[in-house]
Amino acid sequence: MDFGHEVESLSSENVNNCSSSSNSNINSPNNSTTTTTLTYSSSSSSSSSSSPSAPSSSRYENQKRRDWNTFGQYLKNHKPPLTLSRCSGAHVLEFLRYLDQFGKTKVHTPICPFYGHPSPPMPCHCPLQQAWGSLDALIGRLRAAFEENGGKPEANPFGARAVRLYLREVRDMQSKARGVSYEKKKRKRPPQSTLLPPAPLPPPPPPPPGAR
């Protein structure tokens, strides 16, 4: 998969504003065109990062922390509220479907004339969703954050089989709808040079005449 696709998700503020209203119809078709990028709004993280005494952390670690805080906020706003210990793979799937309303990747439906067209010549009314690459990367970060925060690997809801199957279905569906391939390109191995045996040494010169 080409991870050059733009990464999308929602901010913690959007979770606070929208989670309670969207849980009732979380499995309904997505008609919203609201979009946002994966730049979570967190005043506490921004203030700490601006402090000269705060340790510098990688971009990945910052993103993982924001993702983890966002998921925790989603659980609090869930109806009824959920604790992390009671969270299952089914709740993770609800969260992923909930994020679709904030996506900005056009996914053509089978009845759309641009279905399977990688570069449509004009706009259409197909829904916007989260790109498969965004969801796949998000689950990877949340899976790592779960274990870093004391969760047991065997109880990790982000590694549940249902979540893996869902991501695979999203990948295949978006690949067909968008006319793009998410298959990883195999690296070509450099040609191995053939080692030839060393050339035999020339015979020693004959002894000079008269030498014994």
N, C-alpha and C. Protein backbone atom coordinates (compact mmCIF):
# COMPACT_ATOMS: atom_id res chain seq x y z
N MET A 1 0.84 -1.18 0.00
CA MET A 1 0.00 0.00 0.00
C MET A 1 0.87 1.22 0.00
N ASP A 2 0.54 2.22 -0.76
CA ASP A 2 1.29 3.45 -0.82
C ASP A 2 0.84 4.33 0.32
N PHE A 3 1.70 4.55 1.32
CA PHE A 3 1.32 5.34 2.46
C PHE A 3 1.47 6.82 2.19
N GLY A 4 1.55 7.20 0.94
CA GLY A 4 1.53 8.61 0.60
C GLY A 4 0.15 9.20 0.67
N HIS A 5 -0.89 8.34 0.82
CA HIS A 5 -2.25 8.85 0.94
C HIS A 5 -2.34 9.72 2.19
N GLU A 6 -3.13 10.75 2.11
CA GLU A 6 -3.27 11.65 3.23
C GLU A 6 -3.95 10.93 4.38
N VAL A 7 -3.42 11.19 5.58
CA VAL A 7 -3.92 10.52 6.77
C VAL A 7 -5.03 11.36 7.35
N GLU A 8 -6.14 10.68 7.73
CA GLU A 8 -7.29 11.39 8.22
C GLU A 8 -7.76 10.76 9.52
N SER A 9 -8.32 11.58 10.41
CA SER A 9 -9.00 11.09 11.59
C SER A 9 -9.73 12.25 12.21
N LEU A 10 -10.17 12.11 13.46
CA LEU A 10 -10.90 13.16 14.10
C LEU A 10 -10.14 13.67 15.29
N SER A 11 -10.50 14.86 15.76
CA SER A 11 -9.86 15.44 16.93
C SER A 11 -10.65 15.10 18.17
N SER A 12 -10.01 15.30 19.34
CA SER A 12 -10.69 15.02 20.59
C SER A 12 -11.90 15.92 20.76
N GLU A 13 -11.81 17.14 20.26
CA GLU A 13 -12.94 18.06 20.36
C GLU A 13 -14.11 17.56 19.56
N ASN A 14 -13.86 16.99 18.37
CA ASN A 14 -14.94 16.45 17.56
C ASN A 14 -15.60 15.26 18.24
N VAL A 15 -14.80 14.45 18.97
CA VAL A 15 -15.36 13.32 19.69
C VAL A 15 -16.34 13.81 20.74
N ASN A 16 -15.95 14.89 21.46
CA ASN A 16 -16.83 15.42 22.50
C ASN A 16 -18.14 15.91 21.91
N ASN A 17 -18.08 16.55 20.74
CA ASN A 17 -19.26 17.18 20.16
C ASN A 17 -20.16 16.19 19.45
N CYS A 18 -19.58 15.13 18.88
CA CYS A 18 -20.35 14.30 17.97
C CYS A 18 -20.61 12.89 18.45
N SER A 19 -19.89 12.41 19.48
CA SER A 19 -19.99 11.00 19.81
C SER A 19 -21.38 10.61 20.28
N SER A 20 -21.99 11.44 21.15
CA SER A 20 -23.28 11.07 21.70
C SER A 20 -24.37 11.06 20.65
N SER A 21 -24.26 11.95 19.66
CA SER A 21 -25.29 12.02 18.64
C SER A 21 -25.14 10.98 17.57
N SER A 22 -23.95 10.40 17.44
CA SER A 22 -23.72 9.46 16.35
C SER A 22 -23.79 8.02 16.77
N ASN A 23 -23.77 7.73 18.10
CA ASN A 23 -23.79 6.34 18.52
C ASN A 23 -25.10 5.66 18.20
N SER A 24 -26.19 6.43 18.13
CA SER A 24 -27.48 5.81 17.86
C SER A 24 -27.60 5.33 16.44
N ASN A 25 -26.87 5.94 15.53
CA ASN A 25 -26.95 5.50 14.13
C ASN A 25 -25.57 5.21 13.60
N ILE A 26 -24.79 4.52 14.40
CA ILE A 26 -23.38 4.32 14.05
C ILE A 26 -23.21 3.40 12.87
N ASN A 27 -24.19 2.55 12.57
CA ASN A 27 -24.07 1.63 11.44
C ASN A 27 -24.85 2.10 10.24
N SER A 28 -25.39 3.31 10.30
CA SER A 28 -26.15 3.82 9.17
C SER A 28 -25.23 4.31 8.10
N PRO A 29 -25.67 4.40 6.83
CA PRO A 29 -24.81 4.87 5.75
C PRO A 29 -24.32 6.28 6.03
N ASN A 30 -23.14 6.56 5.61
CA ASN A 30 -22.52 7.86 5.89
C ASN A 30 -22.89 8.85 4.80
N ASN A 31 -23.59 9.92 5.21
CA ASN A 31 -23.93 10.97 4.27
C ASN A 31 -23.25 12.27 4.61
N SER A 32 -22.43 12.26 5.67
CA SER A 32 -21.81 13.50 6.08
C SER A 32 -20.59 13.79 5.24
N THR A 33 -20.35 15.06 5.01
CA THR A 33 -19.18 15.46 4.25
C THR A 33 -18.23 16.26 5.12
N THR A 34 -18.45 16.22 6.47
CA THR A 34 -17.55 16.91 7.37
C THR A 34 -16.19 16.25 7.32
N THR A 35 -15.15 17.03 7.20
CA THR A 35 -13.81 16.46 7.11
C THR A 35 -12.91 17.12 8.14
N THR A 36 -11.88 16.42 8.49
CA THR A 36 -10.86 16.97 9.35
C THR A 36 -9.60 16.17 9.15
N THR A 37 -8.48 16.68 9.58
CA THR A 37 -7.22 15.99 9.41
C THR A 37 -6.78 15.40 10.73
N LEU A 38 -5.72 14.64 10.65
CA LEU A 38 -5.26 13.94 11.84
C LEU A 38 -4.39 14.84 12.70
N THR A 39 -4.82 16.06 12.92
CA THR A 39 -4.13 16.95 13.82
C THR A 39 -5.05 17.17 15.01
N TYR A 40 -4.91 16.35 16.02
CA TYR A 40 -5.79 16.39 17.16
C TYR A 40 -5.57 17.68 17.93
N SER A 41 -6.65 18.27 18.39
CA SER A 41 -6.54 19.49 19.17
C SER A 41 -6.43 19.11 20.63
N SER A 42 -5.31 19.38 21.22
CA SER A 42 -5.08 19.06 22.63
C SER A 42 -4.26 20.16 23.24
N SER A 43 -4.89 20.97 24.06
CA SER A 43 -4.19 22.11 24.63
C SER A 43 -3.10 21.67 25.58
N SER A 44 -3.35 20.56 26.29
CA SER A 44 -2.34 20.10 27.24
C SER A 44 -1.09 19.63 26.54
N SER A 45 -1.25 18.90 25.42
CA SER A 45 -0.07 18.38 24.71
C SER A 45 0.68 19.50 24.04
N SER A 46 -0.05 20.52 23.52
CA SER A 46 0.64 21.61 22.85
C SER A 46 1.41 22.45 23.84
N SER A 47 0.83 22.66 25.06
CA SER A 47 1.53 23.46 26.04
C SER A 47 2.76 22.76 26.56
N SER A 48 2.66 21.42 26.74
CA SER A 48 3.81 20.69 27.24
C SER A 48 4.91 20.60 26.21
N SER A 49 4.52 20.49 24.92
CA SER A 49 5.55 20.39 23.89
C SER A 49 6.26 21.70 23.69
N SER A 50 5.57 22.84 24.01
CA SER A 50 6.21 24.14 23.83
C SER A 50 7.14 24.46 24.98
N SER A 51 7.01 23.75 26.12
CA SER A 51 7.86 24.01 27.26
C SER A 51 9.27 23.55 26.96
N PRO A 52 10.28 24.39 27.26
CA PRO A 52 11.66 23.98 26.95
C PRO A 52 12.11 22.79 27.77
N SER A 53 11.49 22.58 28.97
CA SER A 53 11.92 21.46 29.81
C SER A 53 11.27 20.15 29.43
N ALA A 54 10.24 20.21 28.59
CA ALA A 54 9.56 18.97 28.20
C ALA A 54 10.45 18.15 27.29
N PRO A 55 10.53 16.84 27.55
CA PRO A 55 11.39 16.01 26.68
C PRO A 55 10.83 15.94 25.28
N SER A 56 11.71 15.94 24.32
CA SER A 56 11.28 15.84 22.93
C SER A 56 10.92 14.40 22.62
N SER A 57 9.82 14.23 21.90
CA SER A 57 9.37 12.89 21.51
C SER A 57 9.13 12.88 20.02
N SER A 58 9.09 11.71 19.48
CA SER A 58 8.94 11.58 18.04
C SER A 58 7.52 11.91 17.61
N ARG A 59 7.37 12.17 16.34
CA ARG A 59 6.06 12.46 15.79
C ARG A 59 5.13 11.27 15.96
N TYR A 60 5.66 10.09 15.81
CA TYR A 60 4.85 8.88 15.99
C TYR A 60 4.32 8.78 17.41
N GLU A 61 5.18 9.03 18.39
CA GLU A 61 4.75 8.94 19.78
C GLU A 61 3.70 9.99 20.10
N ASN A 62 3.86 11.20 19.56
CA ASN A 62 2.85 12.24 19.77
C ASN A 62 1.51 11.83 19.18
N GLN A 63 1.56 11.29 17.97
CA GLN A 63 0.32 10.88 17.32
C GLN A 63 -0.33 9.73 18.07
N LYS A 64 0.47 8.79 18.55
CA LYS A 64 -0.06 7.65 19.29
C LYS A 64 -0.73 8.11 20.58
N ARG A 65 -0.15 9.08 21.24
CA ARG A 65 -0.74 9.59 22.47
C ARG A 65 -2.07 10.30 22.20
N ARG A 66 -2.13 11.07 21.11
CA ARG A 66 -3.38 11.76 20.77
C ARG A 66 -4.46 10.75 20.38
N ASP A 67 -4.07 9.71 19.63
CA ASP A 67 -5.04 8.67 19.26
C ASP A 67 -5.59 7.98 20.51
N TRP A 68 -4.72 7.68 21.45
CA TRP A 68 -5.14 6.99 22.66
C TRP A 68 -6.09 7.86 23.48
N ASN A 69 -5.78 9.15 23.60
CA ASN A 69 -6.66 10.05 24.34
C ASN A 69 -8.01 10.19 23.64
N THR A 70 -8.00 10.21 22.32
CA THR A 70 -9.25 10.33 21.57
C THR A 70 -10.13 9.10 21.76
N PHE A 71 -9.51 7.92 21.73
CA PHE A 71 -10.30 6.71 21.93
C PHE A 71 -10.85 6.65 23.35
N GLY A 72 -10.06 7.09 24.32
CA GLY A 72 -10.55 7.13 25.69
C GLY A 72 -11.74 8.07 25.85
N GLN A 73 -11.69 9.20 25.16
CA GLN A 73 -12.81 10.13 25.20
C GLN A 73 -14.04 9.53 24.53
N TYR A 74 -13.82 8.78 23.47
CA TYR A 74 -14.93 8.12 22.79
C TYR A 74 -15.62 7.13 23.73
N LEU A 75 -14.85 6.38 24.50
CA LEU A 75 -15.43 5.43 25.42
C LEU A 75 -16.25 6.14 26.51
N LYS A 76 -15.77 7.29 26.96
CA LYS A 76 -16.50 8.03 27.99
C LYS A 76 -17.84 8.55 27.45
N ASN A 77 -17.85 8.96 26.19
CA ASN A 77 -19.07 9.52 25.60
C ASN A 77 -19.99 8.44 25.03
N HIS A 78 -19.56 7.21 25.08
CA HIS A 78 -20.38 6.12 24.56
C HIS A 78 -21.64 5.97 25.39
N LYS A 79 -22.72 5.56 24.77
CA LYS A 79 -23.99 5.33 25.44
C LYS A 79 -24.31 3.84 25.46
N PRO A 80 -24.22 3.18 26.62
CA PRO A 80 -23.74 3.70 27.91
C PRO A 80 -22.21 3.81 27.92
N PRO A 81 -21.65 4.58 28.87
CA PRO A 81 -20.19 4.72 28.92
C PRO A 81 -19.50 3.37 29.09
N LEU A 82 -18.32 3.28 28.50
CA LEU A 82 -17.55 2.03 28.55
C LEU A 82 -16.23 2.26 29.26
N THR A 83 -15.78 1.23 29.94
CA THR A 83 -14.43 1.24 30.50
C THR A 83 -13.52 0.44 29.57
N LEU A 84 -12.24 0.72 29.65
CA LEU A 84 -11.30 0.04 28.77
C LEU A 84 -11.29 -1.46 29.02
N SER A 85 -11.49 -1.87 30.26
CA SER A 85 -11.47 -3.30 30.57
C SER A 85 -12.63 -4.05 29.94
N ARG A 86 -13.71 -3.34 29.62
CA ARG A 86 -14.88 -3.97 28.99
C ARG A 86 -14.93 -3.74 27.49
N CYS A 87 -13.92 -3.09 26.96
CA CYS A 87 -13.89 -2.81 25.53
C CYS A 87 -13.51 -4.08 24.76
N SER A 88 -14.24 -4.34 23.69
CA SER A 88 -14.00 -5.53 22.88
C SER A 88 -13.74 -5.13 21.43
N GLY A 89 -13.47 -6.13 20.60
CA GLY A 89 -13.27 -5.85 19.19
C GLY A 89 -14.49 -5.22 18.55
N ALA A 90 -15.70 -5.59 19.03
CA ALA A 90 -16.92 -5.00 18.48
C ALA A 90 -16.98 -3.50 18.73
N HIS A 91 -16.50 -3.05 19.89
CA HIS A 91 -16.49 -1.62 20.18
C HIS A 91 -15.45 -0.90 19.32
N VAL A 92 -14.35 -1.57 19.03
CA VAL A 92 -13.35 -0.99 18.13
C VAL A 92 -13.94 -0.80 16.74
N LEU A 93 -14.74 -1.76 16.28
CA LEU A 93 -15.38 -1.63 14.97
C LEU A 93 -16.37 -0.47 14.96
N GLU A 94 -17.10 -0.27 16.06
CA GLU A 94 -17.99 0.88 16.15
C GLU A 94 -17.22 2.17 16.03
N PHE A 95 -16.08 2.22 16.68
CA PHE A 95 -15.23 3.41 16.63
C PHE A 95 -14.75 3.69 15.21
N LEU A 96 -14.31 2.65 14.51
CA LEU A 96 -13.83 2.83 13.14
C LEU A 96 -14.94 3.31 12.22
N ARG A 97 -16.14 2.75 12.38
CA ARG A 97 -17.27 3.18 11.54
C ARG A 97 -17.67 4.62 11.88
N TYR A 98 -17.55 4.96 13.15
CA TYR A 98 -17.85 6.32 13.57
C TYR A 98 -16.90 7.33 12.91
N LEU A 99 -15.65 6.94 12.73
CA LEU A 99 -14.66 7.84 12.13
C LEU A 99 -14.95 8.14 10.67
N ASP A 100 -15.73 7.29 10.01
CA ASP A 100 -15.99 7.49 8.58
C ASP A 100 -16.63 8.83 8.30
N GLN A 101 -17.43 9.36 9.22
CA GLN A 101 -18.08 10.64 8.96
C GLN A 101 -17.09 11.79 8.91
N PHE A 102 -15.87 11.58 9.39
CA PHE A 102 -14.84 12.60 9.34
C PHE A 102 -13.83 12.33 8.22
N GLY A 103 -14.06 11.31 7.42
CA GLY A 103 -13.12 10.96 6.35
C GLY A 103 -13.21 11.94 5.19
N LYS A 104 -12.21 11.91 4.34
CA LYS A 104 -12.19 12.77 3.15
C LYS A 104 -11.68 12.00 1.93
N THR A 105 -11.85 10.70 1.94
CA THR A 105 -11.49 9.87 0.80
C THR A 105 -12.76 9.46 0.07
N LYS A 106 -12.87 9.81 -1.18
CA LYS A 106 -14.05 9.48 -1.98
C LYS A 106 -14.02 7.99 -2.33
N VAL A 107 -15.08 7.30 -1.94
CA VAL A 107 -15.21 5.87 -2.22
C VAL A 107 -16.45 5.68 -3.07
N HIS A 108 -16.24 5.33 -4.35
CA HIS A 108 -17.35 5.22 -5.29
C HIS A 108 -18.19 3.97 -5.01
N THR A 109 -19.48 4.11 -5.17
CA THR A 109 -20.40 2.98 -5.03
C THR A 109 -20.47 2.23 -6.36
N PRO A 110 -20.91 0.96 -6.34
CA PRO A 110 -20.95 0.19 -7.59
C PRO A 110 -21.84 0.81 -8.67
N ILE A 111 -22.84 1.62 -8.31
CA ILE A 111 -23.71 2.22 -9.32
C ILE A 111 -23.14 3.52 -9.86
N CYS A 112 -22.05 4.00 -9.29
CA CYS A 112 -21.43 5.25 -9.76
C CYS A 112 -20.71 4.99 -11.09
N PRO A 113 -20.83 5.90 -12.07
CA PRO A 113 -20.12 5.69 -13.34
C PRO A 113 -18.61 5.73 -13.20
N PHE A 114 -18.13 6.25 -12.07
CA PHE A 114 -16.69 6.34 -11.87
C PHE A 114 -16.17 5.23 -10.96
N TYR A 115 -16.99 4.20 -10.72
CA TYR A 115 -16.56 3.08 -9.90
C TYR A 115 -15.34 2.40 -10.53
N GLY A 116 -14.28 2.28 -9.77
CA GLY A 116 -13.06 1.68 -10.27
C GLY A 116 -12.19 2.63 -11.07
N HIS A 117 -12.56 3.91 -11.13
CA HIS A 117 -11.80 4.90 -11.90
C HIS A 117 -10.85 5.61 -10.96
N PRO A 118 -9.54 5.49 -11.16
CA PRO A 118 -8.60 6.12 -10.22
C PRO A 118 -8.58 7.64 -10.29
N SER A 119 -8.97 8.21 -11.42
CA SER A 119 -8.96 9.68 -11.58
C SER A 119 -10.25 10.11 -12.25
N PRO A 120 -11.34 10.27 -11.49
CA PRO A 120 -12.62 10.66 -12.08
C PRO A 120 -12.52 12.04 -12.73
N PRO A 121 -13.15 12.24 -13.89
CA PRO A 121 -13.04 13.53 -14.58
C PRO A 121 -13.90 14.62 -13.95
N MET A 122 -14.85 14.24 -13.09
CA MET A 122 -15.73 15.24 -12.47
C MET A 122 -16.20 14.73 -11.12
N PRO A 123 -16.73 15.63 -10.27
CA PRO A 123 -17.20 15.21 -8.95
C PRO A 123 -18.42 14.30 -9.04
N CYS A 124 -18.66 13.55 -7.98
CA CYS A 124 -19.84 12.72 -7.87
C CYS A 124 -20.36 12.81 -6.44
N HIS A 125 -21.48 12.14 -6.19
CA HIS A 125 -22.11 12.23 -4.88
C HIS A 125 -21.81 11.01 -4.00
N CYS A 126 -20.78 10.29 -4.30
CA CYS A 126 -20.42 9.13 -3.48
C CYS A 126 -19.92 9.59 -2.11
N PRO A 127 -20.06 8.74 -1.10
CA PRO A 127 -19.71 9.16 0.27
C PRO A 127 -18.20 9.29 0.47
N LEU A 128 -17.87 10.08 1.47
CA LEU A 128 -16.49 10.21 1.92
C LEU A 128 -16.27 9.28 3.09
N GLN A 129 -15.15 8.62 3.10
CA GLN A 129 -14.83 7.69 4.18
C GLN A 129 -13.37 7.85 4.58
N GLN A 130 -13.02 7.20 5.68
CA GLN A 130 -11.63 7.13 6.07
C GLN A 130 -10.90 6.18 5.12
N ALA A 131 -9.73 6.57 4.68
CA ALA A 131 -8.94 5.71 3.81
C ALA A 131 -8.45 4.49 4.59
N TRP A 132 -8.33 3.37 3.87
CA TRP A 132 -7.88 2.14 4.52
C TRP A 132 -6.52 2.35 5.18
N GLY A 133 -5.60 3.03 4.52
CA GLY A 133 -4.28 3.23 5.09
C GLY A 133 -4.33 4.00 6.40
N SER A 134 -5.26 4.96 6.51
CA SER A 134 -5.40 5.73 7.74
C SER A 134 -5.88 4.83 8.88
N LEU A 135 -6.89 4.01 8.59
CA LEU A 135 -7.42 3.13 9.62
C LEU A 135 -6.41 2.07 10.04
N ASP A 136 -5.68 1.55 9.08
CA ASP A 136 -4.69 0.52 9.37
C ASP A 136 -3.58 1.08 10.27
N ALA A 137 -3.12 2.30 9.96
CA ALA A 137 -2.09 2.92 10.79
C ALA A 137 -2.63 3.28 12.17
N LEU A 138 -3.88 3.74 12.22
CA LEU A 138 -4.49 4.08 13.50
C LEU A 138 -4.58 2.87 14.42
N ILE A 139 -5.05 1.74 13.88
CA ILE A 139 -5.16 0.53 14.69
C ILE A 139 -3.79 0.08 15.18
N GLY A 140 -2.78 0.22 14.35
CA GLY A 140 -1.43 -0.14 14.78
C GLY A 140 -0.96 0.69 15.97
N ARG A 141 -1.24 1.99 15.94
CA ARG A 141 -0.84 2.85 17.05
C ARG A 141 -1.65 2.54 18.32
N LEU A 142 -2.96 2.34 18.16
CA LEU A 142 -3.79 2.04 19.33
C LEU A 142 -3.45 0.68 19.93
N ARG A 143 -3.10 -0.25 19.08
CA ARG A 143 -2.72 -1.58 19.58
C ARG A 143 -1.46 -1.48 20.43
N ALA A 144 -0.50 -0.68 19.98
CA ALA A 144 0.72 -0.50 20.76
C ALA A 144 0.44 0.28 22.04
N ALA A 145 -0.40 1.31 21.95
CA ALA A 145 -0.71 2.12 23.13
C ALA A 145 -1.44 1.30 24.20
N PHE A 146 -2.29 0.39 23.78
CA PHE A 146 -3.03 -0.45 24.74
C PHE A 146 -2.06 -1.23 25.63
N GLU A 147 -1.06 -1.84 25.03
CA GLU A 147 -0.11 -2.64 25.80
C GLU A 147 0.84 -1.75 26.59
N GLU A 148 1.15 -0.57 26.07
CA GLU A 148 2.02 0.34 26.81
C GLU A 148 1.33 0.89 28.05
N ASN A 149 -0.01 0.90 28.04
CA ASN A 149 -0.77 1.40 29.18
C ASN A 149 -1.25 0.27 30.09
N GLY A 150 -0.58 -0.86 30.05
CA GLY A 150 -0.85 -1.93 30.99
C GLY A 150 -1.75 -3.03 30.49
N GLY A 151 -2.22 -2.95 29.24
CA GLY A 151 -3.08 -4.00 28.72
C GLY A 151 -2.30 -5.24 28.35
N LYS A 152 -2.95 -6.39 28.51
CA LYS A 152 -2.32 -7.65 28.17
C LYS A 152 -2.45 -7.91 26.66
N PRO A 153 -1.41 -8.41 26.03
CA PRO A 153 -1.47 -8.66 24.58
C PRO A 153 -2.61 -9.60 24.18
N GLU A 154 -2.88 -10.63 25.00
CA GLU A 154 -3.93 -11.57 24.63
C GLU A 154 -5.32 -10.97 24.77
N ALA A 155 -5.44 -9.83 25.49
CA ALA A 155 -6.75 -9.18 25.67
C ALA A 155 -6.84 -7.88 24.88
N ASN A 156 -5.93 -7.69 23.94
CA ASN A 156 -5.90 -6.44 23.17
C ASN A 156 -7.07 -6.40 22.18
N PRO A 157 -8.06 -5.50 22.36
CA PRO A 157 -9.20 -5.48 21.43
C PRO A 157 -8.83 -5.00 20.04
N PHE A 158 -7.73 -4.25 19.93
CA PHE A 158 -7.31 -3.74 18.62
C PHE A 158 -6.64 -4.82 17.77
N GLY A 159 -6.30 -5.93 18.39
CA GLY A 159 -5.73 -7.05 17.65
C GLY A 159 -6.72 -8.17 17.43
N ALA A 160 -8.00 -7.91 17.72
CA ALA A 160 -9.02 -8.94 17.57
C ALA A 160 -9.17 -9.36 16.11
N ARG A 161 -9.57 -10.59 15.92
CA ARG A 161 -9.73 -11.13 14.57
C ARG A 161 -10.78 -10.35 13.78
N ALA A 162 -11.85 -9.92 14.46
CA ALA A 162 -12.89 -9.16 13.78
C ALA A 162 -12.35 -7.84 13.23
N VAL A 163 -11.43 -7.22 13.95
CA VAL A 163 -10.84 -5.97 13.49
C VAL A 163 -9.96 -6.21 12.28
N ARG A 164 -9.18 -7.28 12.30
CA ARG A 164 -8.33 -7.59 11.15
C ARG A 164 -9.16 -7.88 9.91
N LEU A 165 -10.25 -8.62 10.08
CA LEU A 165 -11.11 -8.93 8.95
C LEU A 165 -11.77 -7.67 8.41
N TYR A 166 -12.17 -6.78 9.30
CA TYR A 166 -12.80 -5.53 8.86
C TYR A 166 -11.82 -4.69 8.03
N LEU A 167 -10.60 -4.58 8.50
CA LEU A 167 -9.60 -3.80 7.76
C LEU A 167 -9.34 -4.43 6.39
N ARG A 168 -9.34 -5.75 6.33
CA ARG A 168 -9.13 -6.41 5.05
C ARG A 168 -10.28 -6.14 4.09
N GLU A 169 -11.51 -6.15 4.63
CA GLU A 169 -12.68 -5.86 3.80
C GLU A 169 -12.65 -4.42 3.29
N VAL A 170 -12.27 -3.49 4.16
CA VAL A 170 -12.18 -2.09 3.74
C VAL A 170 -11.12 -1.92 2.66
N ARG A 171 -9.99 -2.59 2.83
CA ARG A 171 -8.92 -2.51 1.83
C ARG A 171 -9.39 -3.01 0.47
N ASP A 172 -10.03 -4.18 0.45
CA ASP A 172 -10.47 -4.76 -0.81
C ASP A 172 -11.58 -3.91 -1.45
N MET A 173 -12.50 -3.43 -0.62
CA MET A 173 -13.61 -2.64 -1.14
C MET A 173 -13.12 -1.31 -1.73
N GLN A 174 -12.23 -0.64 -1.00
CA GLN A 174 -11.73 0.65 -1.50
C GLN A 174 -10.81 0.46 -2.70
N SER A 175 -10.10 -0.63 -2.74
CA SER A 175 -9.24 -0.90 -3.88
C SER A 175 -10.05 -1.03 -5.16
N LYS A 176 -11.17 -1.76 -5.08
CA LYS A 176 -12.04 -1.91 -6.25
C LYS A 176 -12.76 -0.60 -6.58
N ALA A 177 -13.26 0.08 -5.57
CA ALA A 177 -14.05 1.29 -5.80
C ALA A 177 -13.20 2.42 -6.36
N ARG A 178 -11.97 2.53 -5.92
CA ARG A 178 -11.11 3.64 -6.33
C ARG A 178 -10.19 3.28 -7.48
N GLY A 179 -10.15 2.01 -7.85
CA GLY A 179 -9.30 1.60 -8.95
C GLY A 179 -7.82 1.70 -8.63
N VAL A 180 -7.46 1.46 -7.38
CA VAL A 180 -6.06 1.51 -6.97
C VAL A 180 -5.69 0.18 -6.34
N SER A 181 -4.41 -0.10 -6.32
CA SER A 181 -3.92 -1.34 -5.75
C SER A 181 -3.19 -1.04 -4.46
N TYR A 182 -3.53 -1.81 -3.42
CA TYR A 182 -2.86 -1.67 -2.14
C TYR A 182 -1.84 -2.77 -1.90
N GLU A 183 -1.56 -3.55 -2.93
CA GLU A 183 -0.59 -4.62 -2.77
C GLU A 183 0.82 -4.03 -2.65
N LYS A 184 1.56 -4.56 -1.71
CA LYS A 184 2.93 -4.09 -1.54
C LYS A 184 3.80 -4.58 -2.69
N LYS A 185 4.58 -3.67 -3.21
CA LYS A 185 5.48 -4.04 -4.29
C LYS A 185 6.69 -4.78 -3.73
N LYS A 186 6.98 -5.89 -4.37
CA LYS A 186 8.14 -6.67 -3.93
C LYS A 186 9.42 -6.03 -4.45
N ARG A 187 10.35 -5.92 -3.56
CA ARG A 187 11.64 -5.36 -3.94
C ARG A 187 12.41 -6.34 -4.83
N LYS A 188 12.96 -5.78 -5.86
CA LYS A 188 13.77 -6.62 -6.75
C LYS A 188 15.14 -6.82 -6.13
N ARG A 189 15.51 -8.06 -6.00
CA ARG A 189 16.83 -8.34 -5.46
C ARG A 189 17.89 -8.04 -6.50
N PRO A 190 19.01 -7.43 -6.09
CA PRO A 190 20.08 -7.17 -7.05
C PRO A 190 20.65 -8.47 -7.58
N PRO A 191 20.99 -8.50 -8.86
CA PRO A 191 21.54 -9.75 -9.43
C PRO A 191 22.83 -10.14 -8.74
N GLN A 192 22.88 -11.39 -8.36
CA GLN A 192 24.08 -11.89 -7.70
C GLN A 192 25.17 -12.17 -8.72
N SER A 193 26.34 -11.63 -8.42
CA SER A 193 27.46 -11.84 -9.34
C SER A 193 27.93 -13.29 -9.21
N THR A 194 28.20 -13.89 -10.35
CA THR A 194 28.67 -15.27 -10.38
C THR A 194 30.16 -15.31 -10.05
N LEU A 195 30.50 -16.03 -9.03
CA LEU A 195 31.90 -16.13 -8.62
C LEU A 195 32.59 -17.20 -9.46
N LEU A 196 33.56 -16.78 -10.24
CA LEU A 196 34.33 -17.70 -11.06
C LEU A 196 35.53 -18.21 -10.27
N PRO A 197 35.95 -19.44 -10.53
CA PRO A 197 37.14 -19.95 -9.82
C PRO A 197 38.37 -19.17 -10.26
N PRO A 198 39.33 -19.02 -9.38
CA PRO A 198 40.53 -18.26 -9.75
C PRO A 198 41.30 -18.93 -10.90
N ALA A 199 41.91 -18.09 -11.71
CA ALA A 199 42.67 -18.62 -12.86
C ALA A 199 43.90 -19.37 -12.35
N PRO A 200 44.25 -20.48 -13.03
CA PRO A 200 45.42 -21.25 -12.57
C PRO A 200 46.70 -20.45 -12.76
N LEU A 201 47.64 -20.67 -11.86
CA LEU A 201 48.92 -19.97 -11.95
C LEU A 201 49.71 -20.48 -13.15
N PRO A 202 50.45 -19.60 -13.80
CA PRO A 202 51.27 -20.07 -14.95
C PRO A 202 52.37 -21.01 -14.46
N PRO A 203 52.82 -21.93 -15.31
CA PRO A 203 53.90 -22.87 -14.89
C PRO A 203 55.19 -22.10 -14.63
N PRO A 204 56.02 -22.63 -13.76
CA PRO A 204 57.31 -21.93 -13.47
C PRO A 204 58.18 -21.92 -14.73
N PRO A 205 59.02 -20.90 -14.90
CA PRO A 205 59.90 -20.87 -16.08
C PRO A 205 60.92 -22.01 -16.03
N PRO A 206 61.35 -22.48 -17.20
CA PRO A 206 62.35 -23.58 -17.22
C PRO A 206 63.67 -23.09 -16.64
N PRO A 207 64.45 -24.01 -16.10
CA PRO A 207 65.76 -23.59 -15.54
C PRO A 207 66.69 -23.18 -16.66
N PRO A 208 67.61 -22.26 -16.37
CA PRO A 208 68.55 -21.81 -17.41
C PRO A 208 69.46 -22.98 -17.83
N PRO A 209 70.00 -22.89 -19.05
CA PRO A 209 70.87 -23.98 -19.53
C PRO A 209 72.11 -24.17 -18.65
N GLY A 210 72.51 -25.37 -18.41
CA GLY A 210 73.68 -25.66 -17.58
C GLY A 210 73.40 -25.69 -16.12
N ALA A 211 72.22 -25.31 -15.72
CA ALA A 211 71.91 -25.34 -14.27
C ALA A 211 71.66 -26.77 -13.84
N ARG A 212 72.16 -27.16 -12.69
CA ARG A 212 71.97 -28.50 -12.17
C ARG A 212 70.73 -28.56 -11.29
